[in-house]
Amino acid sequence: MIYLPVSHVLFDMDGLLLNTEDLYTVGFQKVASRYGKKFTFELKSRIMGQQTREFAGNIIKYLDLPLTIEDFVSETRQIFEELFPQSEILPGVKKLIYHLNQHNIPMGLATSSSKESYELKTLKHQDLFDLFSHKTLGSSDPDVKRGKPHPDIFIVAANKFLDKPDLEKCLVFEDSINGVKAARAAGMQVVMVPDPRLDRSHATEATLILDSMEEFKPELFGLPPYEF
């Protein structure tokens, strides 16, 4: 694989920067268990990266739950109000973001989360998230018409950079297949850091796949290398 130099970086959040995908699993299983159903990793991998109402509808459909989208969102919101403030930063994340910030590399957040859930998830981590020049919250941003795997969120996020970079100059970090497809559809390179349970044969569009953010070498994409 040939890696092209980039000037700007966009990050997904859930399961990439924070361990919130694990918290989503706990919350969704709580609801599913009431109806004798199991929220499987296969289903999880299908909905990762989708906007709130979209993933709610898909979970209801696949598990055949007797709930409306509004019911499901309302029930899970109460659960997540308790879970999301427990979010923790994943390995290698602080090192990379502080490094890029130190070298004045423009960074943006591109997450399908809503404004409300974003605030709960980042409650303990404001210092880190303040380093992003802007945040695009897909489930709350009216400019993001479609969720991942559509490219909308990354195009909107890239256009928020003050210097309006060419899309191919943006490097995306993602953990989901839907996110990888969205980034590639936007014409961007994408580094994937997936859940270890994910079948990587479904992630052929990723520019680079890593086991952990700790393995990333910025110089591969023309970014300043770590100084050891």
Protein backbone atom coordinates (compact mmCIF):
# COMPACT_ATOMS: atom_id res chain seq x y z
CA MET A 1 0.00 0.00 0.00
CA ILE A 2 1.28 3.46 -0.92
CA TYR A 3 0.62 6.16 1.67
CA LEU A 4 0.21 9.75 0.46
CA PRO A 5 1.20 12.79 2.54
CA VAL A 6 -1.60 14.60 4.39
CA SER A 7 -1.96 17.96 6.12
CA HIS A 8 -5.14 17.56 8.21
CA VAL A 9 -6.53 14.80 10.44
CA LEU A 10 -10.11 13.78 11.27
CA PHE A 11 -10.97 11.42 14.11
CA ASP A 12 -13.99 9.28 14.81
CA MET A 13 -14.65 8.99 18.56
CA ASP A 14 -16.58 5.92 19.75
CA GLY A 15 -14.38 2.84 19.95
CA LEU A 16 -11.42 4.81 18.59
CA LEU A 17 -10.66 7.58 21.09
CA LEU A 18 -12.96 6.37 23.88
CA ASN A 19 -14.11 2.92 25.02
CA THR A 20 -17.74 3.92 24.50
CA GLU A 21 -18.46 1.07 22.07
CA ASP A 22 -18.20 -1.26 25.08
CA LEU A 23 -20.68 0.94 26.94
CA TYR A 24 -23.07 0.91 23.98
CA THR A 25 -22.99 -2.88 24.05
CA VAL A 26 -23.92 -2.91 27.74
CA GLY A 27 -26.78 -0.48 27.19
CA PHE A 28 -28.22 -2.17 24.11
CA GLN A 29 -28.04 -5.59 25.77
CA LYS A 30 -29.97 -4.27 28.78
CA VAL A 31 -32.87 -3.36 26.51
CA ALA A 32 -32.61 -6.53 24.39
CA SER A 33 -32.56 -8.76 27.49
CA ARG A 34 -36.01 -7.55 28.52
CA TYR A 35 -37.35 -9.28 25.42
CA GLY A 36 -35.16 -12.38 25.58
CA LYS A 37 -32.91 -11.22 22.75
CA LYS A 38 -29.12 -10.97 22.43
CA PHE A 39 -27.28 -7.96 21.03
CA THR A 40 -24.53 -9.79 19.12
CA PHE A 41 -21.19 -8.51 17.88
CA GLU A 42 -22.34 -9.27 14.33
CA LEU A 43 -25.24 -6.84 14.76
CA LYS A 44 -22.96 -4.37 16.50
CA SER A 45 -20.52 -4.35 13.58
CA ARG A 46 -23.38 -3.59 11.20
CA ILE A 47 -24.59 -0.50 13.06
CA MET A 48 -21.27 1.00 14.20
CA GLY A 49 -20.92 4.52 12.83
CA GLN A 50 -24.61 5.01 12.14
CA GLN A 51 -26.60 7.97 13.45
CA THR A 52 -28.86 7.56 16.48
CA ARG A 53 -32.23 7.02 14.84
CA GLU A 54 -30.69 4.84 12.15
CA PHE A 55 -29.01 2.40 14.53
CA ALA A 56 -32.09 2.39 16.77
CA GLY A 57 -34.26 1.38 13.82
CA ASN A 58 -31.85 -1.33 12.74
CA ILE A 59 -31.57 -2.84 16.22
CA ILE A 60 -35.37 -2.92 16.52
CA LYS A 61 -35.63 -4.54 13.10
CA TYR A 62 -32.91 -7.20 13.53
CA LEU A 63 -33.97 -8.18 17.06
CA ASP A 64 -37.68 -7.83 16.32
CA LEU A 65 -38.27 -5.64 19.39
CA PRO A 66 -41.81 -4.39 20.11
CA LEU A 67 -40.58 -0.79 20.38
CA THR A 68 -40.78 2.38 18.33
CA ILE A 69 -37.58 4.24 17.52
CA GLU A 70 -38.65 6.92 20.00
CA ASP A 71 -39.17 4.28 22.73
CA PHE A 72 -35.78 2.70 22.10
CA VAL A 73 -33.92 6.03 22.05
CA SER A 74 -35.68 7.15 25.24
CA GLU A 75 -34.91 3.92 27.11
CA THR A 76 -31.28 3.80 26.08
CA ARG A 77 -30.77 7.51 26.79
CA GLN A 78 -31.56 6.90 30.46
CA ILE A 79 -29.09 4.01 30.58
CA PHE A 80 -26.35 5.98 28.83
CA GLU A 81 -26.75 8.98 31.10
CA GLU A 82 -25.24 6.73 33.77
CA LEU A 83 -22.74 4.84 31.57
CA PHE A 84 -21.21 7.48 29.28
CA PRO A 85 -19.57 9.61 32.01
CA GLN A 86 -17.50 6.49 32.80
CA SER A 87 -15.81 6.69 29.37
CA GLU A 88 -12.05 6.13 29.28
CA ILE A 89 -9.46 7.14 26.70
CA LEU A 90 -8.01 4.25 24.71
CA PRO A 91 -4.26 3.42 24.50
CA GLY A 92 -2.11 5.64 22.28
CA VAL A 93 -4.77 8.31 21.83
CA LYS A 94 -3.38 11.00 24.11
CA LYS A 95 0.12 10.55 22.74
CA LEU A 96 -0.99 11.04 19.12
CA ILE A 97 -3.37 13.94 19.68
CA TYR A 98 -0.95 15.88 21.89
CA HIS A 99 1.82 15.20 19.38
CA LEU A 100 -0.19 16.51 16.42
CA ASN A 101 -1.29 19.53 18.43
CA GLN A 102 2.30 20.30 19.39
CA HIS A 103 3.21 20.34 15.69
CA ASN A 104 0.19 22.48 14.71
CA ILE A 105 -1.48 19.79 12.61
CA PRO A 106 -5.16 20.79 12.22
CA MET A 107 -7.47 18.19 13.80
CA GLY A 108 -11.24 17.78 13.73
CA LEU A 109 -13.69 15.36 15.32
CA ALA A 110 -16.19 13.54 13.08
CA THR A 111 -18.49 11.41 15.21
CA SER A 112 -22.01 10.15 14.62
CA SER A 113 -22.81 10.94 18.26
CA SER A 114 -25.42 13.52 19.20
CA LYS A 115 -24.49 16.69 21.07
CA GLU A 116 -26.05 15.31 24.27
CA SER A 117 -24.16 12.02 24.20
CA TYR A 118 -20.90 13.75 23.19
CA GLU A 119 -21.09 15.93 26.29
CA LEU A 120 -21.63 12.92 28.55
CA LYS A 121 -18.83 10.90 26.96
CA THR A 122 -16.25 13.69 27.15
CA LEU A 123 -17.14 14.93 30.63
CA LYS A 124 -13.83 13.77 32.14
CA HIS A 125 -11.72 14.49 29.07
CA GLN A 126 -12.30 18.13 28.17
CA ASP A 127 -8.57 18.97 28.03
CA LEU A 128 -8.08 16.44 25.25
CA PHE A 129 -11.16 17.29 23.22
CA ASP A 130 -10.45 21.02 23.46
CA LEU A 131 -7.49 20.37 21.13
CA PHE A 132 -9.80 19.74 18.17
CA SER A 133 -10.39 22.86 16.09
CA HIS A 134 -13.99 21.79 15.54
CA LYS A 135 -16.39 18.94 16.25
CA THR A 136 -18.92 17.53 13.79
CA LEU A 137 -21.63 15.65 15.71
CA GLY A 138 -23.47 13.70 13.04
CA SER A 139 -26.70 12.96 14.89
CA SER A 140 -27.17 16.65 15.75
CA ASP A 141 -25.57 18.47 12.79
CA PRO A 142 -28.19 19.45 10.17
CA ASP A 143 -25.49 19.55 7.47
CA VAL A 144 -24.83 15.82 7.89
CA LYS A 145 -27.77 14.49 5.92
CA ARG A 146 -26.78 10.82 5.91
CA GLY A 147 -24.84 8.66 8.37
CA LYS A 148 -21.83 6.46 7.67
CA PRO A 149 -21.12 4.64 5.30
CA HIS A 150 -22.11 7.75 3.33
CA PRO A 151 -19.30 10.35 3.11
CA ASP A 152 -21.35 13.31 4.38
CA ILE A 153 -19.82 13.65 7.85
CA PHE A 154 -16.22 13.69 6.61
CA ILE A 155 -16.95 16.18 3.84
CA VAL A 156 -18.74 18.48 6.30
CA ALA A 157 -15.92 18.10 8.85
CA ALA A 158 -13.19 18.81 6.29
CA ASN A 159 -14.98 21.95 5.14
CA LYS A 160 -14.92 23.30 8.70
CA PHE A 161 -11.14 23.68 8.61
CA LEU A 162 -10.38 27.37 8.12
CA ASP A 163 -7.99 26.74 5.21
CA LYS A 164 -10.43 24.41 3.39
CA PRO A 165 -7.96 21.59 2.50
CA ASP A 166 -8.45 19.30 -0.48
CA LEU A 167 -10.30 16.21 0.72
CA GLU A 168 -7.45 13.90 -0.24
CA LYS A 169 -5.21 15.85 2.15
CA CYS A 170 -7.28 14.70 5.13
CA LEU A 171 -6.40 11.51 6.99
CA VAL A 172 -9.23 9.79 8.84
CA PHE A 173 -8.95 7.51 11.90
CA GLU A 174 -11.80 5.03 12.28
CA ASP A 175 -12.69 1.78 14.02
CA SER A 176 -15.77 0.69 12.05
CA ILE A 177 -16.33 -0.69 8.57
CA ASN A 178 -19.06 1.89 7.98
CA GLY A 179 -16.59 4.61 8.94
CA VAL A 180 -13.92 3.26 6.61
CA LYS A 181 -16.39 3.18 3.72
CA ALA A 182 -17.49 6.74 4.50
CA ALA A 183 -13.92 8.05 4.55
CA ARG A 184 -13.02 6.32 1.29
CA ALA A 185 -16.22 7.60 -0.33
CA ALA A 186 -15.07 11.11 0.65
CA GLY A 187 -11.78 10.50 -1.14
CA MET A 188 -9.69 10.30 2.03
CA GLN A 189 -7.13 7.83 3.31
CA VAL A 190 -8.21 6.04 6.46
CA VAL A 191 -6.32 4.35 9.29
CA MET A 192 -8.48 1.70 10.92
CA VAL A 193 -8.07 0.56 14.53
CA PRO A 194 -10.82 -2.08 14.77
CA ASP A 195 -12.24 -4.14 17.56
CA PRO A 196 -10.08 -7.31 17.72
CA ARG A 197 -13.20 -9.42 17.11
CA LEU A 198 -13.87 -7.80 13.75
CA ASP A 199 -13.31 -9.90 10.63
CA ARG A 200 -10.73 -7.79 8.83
CA SER A 201 -11.55 -9.37 5.48
CA HIS A 202 -14.53 -6.97 5.44
CA ALA A 203 -12.25 -3.95 5.81
CA THR A 204 -10.35 -4.17 2.52
CA GLU A 205 -10.89 -0.46 1.78
CA ALA A 206 -8.85 0.68 4.78
CA THR A 207 -5.54 2.31 3.86
CA LEU A 208 -3.88 0.89 6.97
CA ILE A 209 -5.14 -1.39 9.76
CA LEU A 210 -3.58 -1.31 13.23
CA ASP A 211 -4.15 -3.32 16.40
CA SER A 212 -3.80 -0.17 18.51
CA MET A 213 -3.31 3.57 18.08
CA GLU A 214 0.02 3.01 19.83
CA GLU A 215 1.32 1.40 16.60
CA PHE A 216 0.71 4.44 14.39
CA LYS A 217 3.75 6.03 12.75
CA PRO A 218 2.87 9.59 11.71
CA GLU A 219 5.75 9.82 9.23
CA LEU A 220 4.06 7.22 6.99
CA PHE A 221 1.65 9.96 5.95
CA GLY A 222 4.12 12.84 5.90
CA LEU A 223 3.30 13.96 9.43
CA PRO A 224 5.99 14.86 12.00
CA PRO A 225 7.44 11.69 13.55
CA TYR A 226 7.41 11.01 17.25
CA GLU A 227 10.53 12.20 19.04
CA PHE A 228 11.93 9.52 21.30
